[in-house]
PDB file of all heavy atoms in Angstrom:
ATOM      1  N   TYR A   1      34.778 -98.661 -55.654  1.00  0.00           N
ATOM      2  CA  TYR A   1      34.457 -99.980 -56.175  1.00  0.00           C
ATOM      3  C   TYR A   1      33.285-100.561 -55.381  1.00  0.00           C
ATOM      4  O   TYR A   1      33.275-100.547 -54.157  1.00  0.00           O
ATOM      5  CB  TYR A   1      35.675-100.898 -56.064  1.00  0.00           C
ATOM      6  CG  TYR A   1      36.712-100.610 -57.110  1.00  0.00           C
ATOM      7  CD1 TYR A   1      37.499 -99.459 -57.062  1.00  0.00           C
ATOM      8  CD2 TYR A   1      36.917-101.499 -58.181  1.00  0.00           C
ATOM      9  CE1 TYR A   1      38.429 -99.181 -58.033  1.00  0.00           C
ATOM     10  CE2 TYR A   1      37.867-101.219 -59.157  1.00  0.00           C
ATOM     11  CZ  TYR A   1      38.621-100.057 -59.072  1.00  0.00           C
ATOM     12  OH  TYR A   1      39.541 -99.790 -60.051  1.00  0.00           O
ATOM     13  N   TYR A   2      32.333-101.084 -56.128  1.00  0.00           N
ATOM     14  CA  TYR A   2      31.119-101.662 -55.539  1.00  0.00           C
ATOM     15  C   TYR A   2      30.995-103.134 -55.942  1.00  0.00           C
ATOM     16  O   TYR A   2      31.349-103.510 -57.057  1.00  0.00           O
ATOM     17  CB  TYR A   2      29.869-100.938 -56.060  1.00  0.00           C
ATOM     18  CG  TYR A   2      29.808 -99.465 -55.776  1.00  0.00           C
ATOM     19  CD1 TYR A   2      30.387 -98.524 -56.618  1.00  0.00           C
ATOM     20  CD2 TYR A   2      29.129 -98.994 -54.645  1.00  0.00           C
ATOM     21  CE1 TYR A   2      30.315 -97.178 -56.342  1.00  0.00           C
ATOM     22  CE2 TYR A   2      29.062 -97.626 -54.374  1.00  0.00           C
ATOM     23  CZ  TYR A   2      29.648 -96.735 -55.228  1.00  0.00           C
ATOM     24  OH  TYR A   2      29.580 -95.397 -54.960  1.00  0.00           O
ATOM     25  N   CYS A   3      30.460-103.939 -55.046  1.00  0.00           N
ATOM     26  CA  CYS A   3      30.075-105.293 -55.440  1.00  0.00           C
ATOM     27  C   CYS A   3      28.561-105.424 -55.403  1.00  0.00           C
ATOM     28  O   CYS A   3      27.879-104.702 -54.684  1.00  0.00           O
ATOM     29  CB  CYS A   3      30.745-106.342 -54.537  1.00  0.00           C
ATOM     30  SG  CYS A   3      30.309-106.267 -52.786  1.00  0.00           S
ATOM     31  N   ALA A   4      28.073-106.310 -56.219  1.00  0.00           N
ATOM     32  CA  ALA A   4      26.643-106.503 -56.354  1.00  0.00           C
ATOM     33  C   ALA A   4      26.352-107.985 -56.634  1.00  0.00           C
ATOM     34  O   ALA A   4      27.238-108.702 -57.126  1.00  0.00           O
ATOM     35  CB  ALA A   4      26.092-105.658 -57.505  1.00  0.00           C
ATOM     36  N   ALA A   5      25.151-108.430 -56.324  1.00  0.00           N
ATOM     37  CA  ALA A   5      24.811-109.842 -56.482  1.00  0.00           C
ATOM     38  C   ALA A   5      23.440-110.000 -57.136  1.00  0.00           C
ATOM     39  O   ALA A   5      22.558-109.147 -56.995  1.00  0.00           O
ATOM     40  CB  ALA A   5      24.824-110.551 -55.126  1.00  0.00           C
ATOM     41  N   THR A   6      23.304-111.095 -57.854  1.00  0.00           N
ATOM     42  CA  THR A   6      22.043-111.422 -58.494  1.00  0.00           C
ATOM     43  C   THR A   6      21.923-112.927 -58.645  1.00  0.00           C
ATOM     44  O   THR A   6      22.930-113.634 -58.780  1.00  0.00           O
ATOM     45  CB  THR A   6      21.914-110.729 -59.860  1.00  0.00           C
ATOM     46  OG1 THR A   6      20.638-111.059 -60.433  1.00  0.00           O
ATOM     47  CG2 THR A   6      22.985-111.223 -60.832  1.00  0.00           C
ATOM     48  N   ARG A   7      20.664-113.390 -58.646  1.00  0.00           N
ATOM     49  CA  ARG A   7      20.410-114.779 -59.014  1.00  0.00           C
ATOM     50  C   ARG A   7      19.542-114.882 -60.264  1.00  0.00           C
ATOM     51  O   ARG A   7      19.177-115.972 -60.707  1.00  0.00           O
ATOM     52  CB  ARG A   7      19.715-115.528 -57.860  1.00  0.00           C
ATOM     53  CG  ARG A   7      20.652-115.823 -56.718  1.00  0.00           C
ATOM     54  CD  ARG A   7      20.151-116.958 -55.819  1.00  0.00           C
ATOM     55  NE  ARG A   7      18.863-116.702 -55.246  1.00  0.00           N
ATOM     56  CZ  ARG A   7      18.265-117.523 -54.399  1.00  0.00           C
ATOM     57  NH1 ARG A   7      18.862-118.641 -54.041  1.00  0.00           N
ATOM     58  NH2 ARG A   7      17.108-117.261 -53.901  1.00  0.00           N
ATOM     59  N   ARG A   8      19.212-113.712 -60.846  1.00  0.00           N
ATOM     60  CA  ARG A   8      18.348-113.713 -62.014  1.00  0.00           C
ATOM     61  C   ARG A   8      19.074-114.198 -63.269  1.00  0.00           C
ATOM     62  O   ARG A   8      18.447-114.691 -64.209  1.00  0.00           O
ATOM     63  CB  ARG A   8      17.784-112.310 -62.240  1.00  0.00           C
ATOM     64  CG  ARG A   8      16.772-111.899 -61.203  1.00  0.00           C
ATOM     65  CD  ARG A   8      16.112-110.616 -61.596  1.00  0.00           C
ATOM     66  NE  ARG A   8      16.933-109.447 -61.282  1.00  0.00           N
ATOM     67  CZ  ARG A   8      17.046-108.403 -62.082  1.00  0.00           C
ATOM     68  NH1 ARG A   8      16.486-108.401 -63.273  1.00  0.00           N
ATOM     69  NH2 ARG A   8      17.751-107.358 -61.713  1.00  0.00           N
ATOM     70  N   LEU A   9      20.385-113.994 -63.308  1.00  0.00           N
ATOM     71  CA  LEU A   9      21.159-114.389 -64.458  1.00  0.00           C
ATOM     72  C   LEU A   9      22.421-115.086 -63.999  1.00  0.00           C
ATOM     73  O   LEU A   9      22.875-114.868 -62.877  1.00  0.00           O
ATOM     74  CB  LEU A   9      21.551-113.147 -65.302  1.00  0.00           C
ATOM     75  CG  LEU A   9      20.385-112.365 -65.923  1.00  0.00           C
ATOM     76  CD1 LEU A   9      20.912-111.067 -66.538  1.00  0.00           C
ATOM     77  CD2 LEU A   9      19.705-113.218 -66.990  1.00  0.00           C
ATOM     78  N   ILE A  10      22.992-115.872 -64.889  1.00  0.00           N
ATOM     79  CA  ILE A  10      24.268-116.527 -64.565  1.00  0.00           C
ATOM     80  C   ILE A  10      25.372-115.488 -64.414  1.00  0.00           C
ATOM     81  O   ILE A  10      26.203-115.568 -63.539  1.00  0.00           O
ATOM     82  CB  ILE A  10      24.618-117.563 -65.643  1.00  0.00           C
ATOM     83  CG1 ILE A  10      23.624-118.714 -65.622  1.00  0.00           C
ATOM     84  CG2 ILE A  10      26.055-118.092 -65.413  1.00  0.00           C
ATOM     85  CD1 ILE A  10      23.828-119.716 -66.765  1.00  0.00           C
ATOM     86  N   ARG A  11      25.371-114.529 -65.317  1.00  0.00           N
ATOM     87  CA  ARG A  11      26.366-113.427 -65.267  1.00  0.00           C
ATOM     88  C   ARG A  11      25.772-112.239 -66.019  1.00  0.00           C
ATOM     89  O   ARG A  11      24.899-112.416 -66.863  1.00  0.00           O
ATOM     90  CB  ARG A  11      27.686-113.829 -65.894  1.00  0.00           C
ATOM     91  CG  ARG A  11      27.633-113.940 -67.409  1.00  0.00           C
ATOM     92  CD  ARG A  11      29.030-114.145 -67.990  1.00  0.00           C
ATOM     93  NE  ARG A  11      29.582-115.450 -67.636  1.00  0.00           N
ATOM     94  CZ  ARG A  11      29.311-116.553 -68.300  1.00  0.00           C
ATOM     95  NH1 ARG A  11      28.495-116.530 -69.319  1.00  0.00           N
ATOM     96  NH2 ARG A  11      29.877-117.699 -67.923  1.00  0.00           N
ATOM     97  N   SER A  12      26.232-111.061 -65.692  1.00  0.00           N
ATOM     98  CA  SER A  12      25.794-109.882 -66.411  1.00  0.00           C
ATOM     99  C   SER A  12      26.779-108.760 -66.226  1.00  0.00           C
ATOM    100  O   SER A  12      27.401-108.631 -65.166  1.00  0.00           O
ATOM    101  CB  SER A  12      24.407-109.430 -65.924  1.00  0.00           C
ATOM    102  OG  SER A  12      24.003-108.240 -66.584  1.00  0.00           O
ATOM    103  N   ARG A  13      26.897-107.929 -67.248  1.00  0.00           N
ATOM    104  CA  ARG A  13      27.708-106.708 -67.180  1.00  0.00           C
ATOM    105  C   ARG A  13      26.828-105.477 -66.919  1.00  0.00           C
ATOM    106  O   ARG A  13      27.346-104.393 -66.735  1.00  0.00           O
ATOM    107  CB  ARG A  13      28.475-106.493 -68.485  1.00  0.00           C
ATOM    108  CG  ARG A  13      29.524-107.548 -68.764  1.00  0.00           C
ATOM    109  CD  ARG A  13      30.365-107.143 -69.977  1.00  0.00           C
ATOM    110  NE  ARG A  13      31.525-108.001 -70.173  1.00  0.00           N
ATOM    111  CZ  ARG A  13      32.591-107.678 -70.858  1.00  0.00           C
ATOM    112  NH1 ARG A  13      32.652-106.492 -71.458  1.00  0.00           N
ATOM    113  NH2 ARG A  13      33.604-108.515 -70.997  1.00  0.00           N
ATOM    114  N   ALA A  14      25.548-105.673 -66.873  1.00  0.00           N
ATOM    115  CA  ALA A  14      24.616-104.556 -66.705  1.00  0.00           C
ATOM    116  C   ALA A  14      24.223-104.366 -65.245  1.00  0.00           C
ATOM    117  O   ALA A  14      23.758-105.303 -64.579  1.00  0.00           O
ATOM    118  CB  ALA A  14      23.357-104.800 -67.534  1.00  0.00           C
ATOM    119  N   ARG A  15      24.361-103.131 -64.757  1.00  0.00           N
ATOM    120  CA  ARG A  15      24.020-102.830 -63.396  1.00  0.00           C
ATOM    121  C   ARG A  15      22.553-103.156 -63.096  1.00  0.00           C
ATOM    122  O   ARG A  15      22.218-103.576 -61.970  1.00  0.00           O
ATOM    123  CB  ARG A  15      24.298-101.376 -63.085  1.00  0.00           C
ATOM    124  CG  ARG A  15      25.760-100.989 -63.139  1.00  0.00           C
ATOM    125  CD  ARG A  15      25.944 -99.500 -62.880  1.00  0.00           C
ATOM    126  NE  ARG A  15      25.517 -99.162 -61.521  1.00  0.00           N
ATOM    127  CZ  ARG A  15      24.606 -98.277 -61.236  1.00  0.00           C
ATOM    128  NH1 ARG A  15      23.958 -97.642 -62.200  1.00  0.00           N
ATOM    129  NH2 ARG A  15      24.309 -98.013 -59.983  1.00  0.00           N
ATOM    130  N   SER A  16      21.708-102.972 -64.049  1.00  0.00           N
ATOM    131  CA  SER A  16      20.283-103.144 -63.843  1.00  0.00           C
ATOM    132  C   SER A  16      19.909-104.603 -63.523  1.00  0.00           C
ATOM    133  O   SER A  16      18.816-104.868 -63.026  1.00  0.00           O
ATOM    134  CB  SER A  16      19.492-102.669 -65.054  1.00  0.00           C
ATOM    135  OG  SER A  16      19.889-103.410 -66.192  1.00  0.00           O
ATOM    136  N   ASN A  17      20.787-105.531 -63.806  1.00  0.00           N
ATOM    137  CA  ASN A  17      20.480-106.945 -63.550  1.00  0.00           C
ATOM    138  C   ASN A  17      20.888-107.404 -62.161  1.00  0.00           C
ATOM    139  O   ASN A  17      20.683-108.558 -61.826  1.00  0.00           O
ATOM    140  CB  ASN A  17      21.185-107.828 -64.586  1.00  0.00           C
ATOM    141  CG  ASN A  17      20.523-107.740 -65.952  1.00  0.00           C
ATOM    142  OD1 ASN A  17      19.296-107.571 -66.046  1.00  0.00           O
ATOM    143  ND2 ASN A  17      21.316-107.841 -67.004  1.00  0.00           N
ATOM    144  N   TYR A  18      21.424-106.509 -61.369  1.00  0.00           N
ATOM    145  CA  TYR A  18      21.839-106.848 -60.013  1.00  0.00           C
ATOM    146  C   TYR A  18      20.839-106.305 -59.015  1.00  0.00           C
ATOM    147  O   TYR A  18      20.420-105.154 -59.077  1.00  0.00           O
ATOM    148  CB  TYR A  18      23.239-106.302 -59.739  1.00  0.00           C
ATOM    149  CG  TYR A  18      24.285-107.064 -60.518  1.00  0.00           C
ATOM    150  CD1 TYR A  18      24.570-106.736 -61.844  1.00  0.00           C
ATOM    151  CD2 TYR A  18      24.992-108.118 -59.941  1.00  0.00           C
ATOM    152  CE1 TYR A  18      25.494-107.444 -62.567  1.00  0.00           C
ATOM    153  CE2 TYR A  18      25.937-108.833 -60.662  1.00  0.00           C
ATOM    154  CZ  TYR A  18      26.181-108.476 -61.973  1.00  0.00           C
ATOM    155  OH  TYR A  18      27.115-109.191 -62.688  1.00  0.00           O
ATOM    156  N   ASP A  19      20.450-107.157 -58.069  1.00  0.00           N
ATOM    157  CA  ASP A  19      19.406-106.819 -57.121  1.00  0.00           C
ATOM    158  C   ASP A  19      19.958-106.336 -55.767  1.00  0.00           C
ATOM    159  O   ASP A  19      19.271-105.639 -55.045  1.00  0.00           O
ATOM    160  CB  ASP A  19      18.510-108.029 -56.853  1.00  0.00           C
ATOM    161  CG  ASP A  19      17.843-108.495 -58.133  1.00  0.00           C
ATOM    162  OD1 ASP A  19      17.228-107.654 -58.830  1.00  0.00           O
ATOM    163  OD2 ASP A  19      17.955-109.697 -58.458  1.00  0.00           O
ATOM    164  N   PHE A  20      21.148-106.747 -55.461  1.00  0.00           N
ATOM    165  CA  PHE A  20      21.711-106.435 -54.146  1.00  0.00           C
ATOM    166  C   PHE A  20      23.064-105.752 -54.301  1.00  0.00           C
ATOM    167  O   PHE A  20      23.896-106.200 -55.082  1.00  0.00           O
ATOM    168  CB  PHE A  20      21.868-107.713 -53.303  1.00  0.00           C
ATOM    169  CG  PHE A  20      20.620-108.537 -53.245  1.00  0.00           C
ATOM    170  CD1 PHE A  20      20.465-109.671 -54.026  1.00  0.00           C
ATOM    171  CD2 PHE A  20      19.564-108.158 -52.426  1.00  0.00           C
ATOM    172  CE1 PHE A  20      19.309-110.423 -53.995  1.00  0.00           C
ATOM    173  CE2 PHE A  20      18.407-108.896 -52.365  1.00  0.00           C
ATOM    174  CZ  PHE A  20      18.270-110.034 -53.156  1.00  0.00           C
ATOM    175  N   TRP A  21      23.251-104.662 -53.561  1.00  0.00           N
ATOM    176  CA  TRP A  21      24.471-103.866 -53.686  1.00  0.00           C
ATOM    177  C   TRP A  21      25.071-103.602 -52.333  1.00  0.00           C
ATOM    178  O   TRP A  21      24.346-103.398 -51.326  1.00  0.00           O
ATOM    179  CB  TRP A  21      24.136-102.518 -54.360  1.00  0.00           C
ATOM    180  CG  TRP A  21      23.824-102.666 -55.801  1.00  0.00           C
ATOM    181  CD1 TRP A  21      22.626-103.025 -56.354  1.00  0.00           C
ATOM    182  CD2 TRP A  21      24.712-102.464 -56.885  1.00  0.00           C
ATOM    183  NE1 TRP A  21      22.737-103.072 -57.722  1.00  0.00           N
ATOM    184  CE2 TRP A  21      24.013-102.710 -58.074  1.00  0.00           C
ATOM    185  CE3 TRP A  21      26.051-102.068 -56.965  1.00  0.00           C
ATOM    186  CZ2 TRP A  21      24.594-102.606 -59.345  1.00  0.00           C
ATOM    187  CZ3 TRP A  21      26.629-101.967 -58.213  1.00  0.00           C
ATOM    188  CH2 TRP A  21      25.892-102.224 -59.392  1.00  0.00           C
ATOM    189  N   GLY A  22      26.390-103.595 -52.293  1.00  0.00           N
ATOM    190  CA  GLY A  22      27.063-103.198 -51.080  1.00  0.00           C
ATOM    191  C   GLY A  22      27.502-101.742 -51.192  1.00  0.00           C
ATOM    192  O   GLY A  22      27.481-101.146 -52.260  1.00  0.00           O
ATOM    193  N   ARG A  23      27.896-101.200 -50.073  1.00  0.00           N
ATOM    194  CA  ARG A  23      28.503 -99.864 -50.087  1.00  0.00           C
ATOM    195  C   ARG A  23      29.871 -99.980 -50.734  1.00  0.00           C
ATOM    196  O   ARG A  23      30.540-100.997 -50.638  1.00  0.00           O
ATOM    197  CB  ARG A  23      28.635 -99.319 -48.680  1.00  0.00           C
ATOM    198  CG  ARG A  23      27.297 -98.999 -48.041  1.00  0.00           C
ATOM    199  CD  ARG A  23      27.497 -98.330 -46.698  1.00  0.00           C
ATOM    200  NE  ARG A  23      26.228 -97.924 -46.109  1.00  0.00           N
ATOM    201  CZ  ARG A  23      26.114 -97.286 -44.960  1.00  0.00           C
ATOM    202  NH1 ARG A  23      27.179 -96.971 -44.267  1.00  0.00           N
ATOM    203  NH2 ARG A  23      24.912 -96.976 -44.477  1.00  0.00           N
ATOM    204  N   GLY A  24      30.297 -98.938 -51.373  1.00  0.00           N
ATOM    205  CA  GLY A  24      31.544 -98.979 -52.072  1.00  0.00           C
ATOM    206  C   GLY A  24      32.737 -98.884 -51.150  1.00  0.00           C
ATOM    207  O   GLY A  24      32.660 -98.499 -49.989  1.00  0.00           O
ATOM    208  N   THR A  25      33.887 -99.215 -51.730  1.00  0.00           N
ATOM    209  CA  THR A  25      35.154 -99.050 -51.039  1.00  0.00           C
ATOM    210  C   THR A  25      36.077 -98.255 -51.946  1.00  0.00           C
ATOM    211  O   THR A  25      36.192 -98.527 -53.144  1.00  0.00           O
ATOM    212  CB  THR A  25      35.759-100.413 -50.647  1.00  0.00           C
ATOM    213  OG1 THR A  25      36.955-100.230 -49.903  1.00  0.00           O
ATOM    214  CG2 THR A  25      36.051-101.291 -51.859  1.00  0.00           C
ATOM    215  N   GLN A  26      36.726 -97.259 -51.388  1.00  0.00           N
ATOM    216  CA  GLN A  26      37.519 -96.333 -52.179  1.00  0.00           C
ATOM    217  C   GLN A  26      38.898 -96.907 -52.494  1.00  0.00           C
ATOM    218  O   GLN A  26      39.600 -97.389 -51.593  1.00  0.00           O
ATOM    219  CB  GLN A  26      37.685 -95.008 -51.426  1.00  0.00           C
ATOM    220  CG  GLN A  26      38.593 -93.997 -52.118  1.00  0.00           C
ATOM    221  CD  GLN A  26      37.949 -93.395 -53.350  1.00  0.00           C
ATOM    222  OE1 GLN A  26      36.811 -92.943 -53.320  1.00  0.00           O
ATOM    223  NE2 GLN A  26      38.707 -93.363 -54.459  1.00  0.00           N
ATOM    224  N   VAL A  27      39.253 -96.854 -53.760  1.00  0.00           N
ATOM    225  CA  VAL A  27      40.602 -97.216 -54.204  1.00  0.00           C
ATOM    226  C   VAL A  27      41.230 -95.989 -54.819  1.00  0.00           C
ATOM    227  O   VAL A  27      40.659 -95.402 -55.752  1.00  0.00           O
ATOM    228  CB  VAL A  27      40.547 -98.375 -55.245  1.00  0.00           C
ATOM    229  CG1 VAL A  27      41.943 -98.612 -55.832  1.00  0.00           C
ATOM    230  CG2 VAL A  27      40.010 -99.642 -54.586  1.00  0.00           C
ATOM    231  N   THR A  28      42.377 -95.618 -54.318  1.00  0.00           N
ATOM    232  CA  THR A  28      43.103 -94.460 -54.833  1.00  0.00           C
ATOM    233  C   THR A  28      44.515 -94.899 -55.209  1.00  0.00           C
ATOM    234  O   THR A  28      45.232 -95.475 -54.363  1.00  0.00           O
ATOM    235  CB  THR A  28      43.164 -93.318 -53.816  1.00  0.00           C
ATOM    236  OG1 THR A  28      41.845 -92.968 -53.412  1.00  0.00           O
ATOM    237  CG2 THR A  28      43.857 -92.097 -54.410  1.00  0.00           C
ATOM    238  N   VAL A  29      44.882 -94.629 -56.445  1.00  0.00           N
ATOM    239  CA  VAL A  29      46.203 -95.024 -56.935  1.00  0.00           C
ATOM    240  C   VAL A  29      46.971 -93.742 -57.287  1.00  0.00           C
ATOM    241  O   VAL A  29      46.532 -92.967 -58.156  1.00  0.00           O
ATOM    242  CB  VAL A  29      46.097 -95.935 -58.159  1.00  0.00           C
ATOM    243  CG1 VAL A  29      47.495 -96.419 -58.574  1.00  0.00           C
ATOM    244  CG2 VAL A  29      45.199 -97.138 -57.876  1.00  0.00           C
TER     245      VAL A  29
END
């Protein structure tokens, strides 16, 4: 799971609209 941030849009489902990304964290169920 990754989190990402943007100020270009109010909200977006598209990865390309996010400018900043964190490293992921593993979730195993």
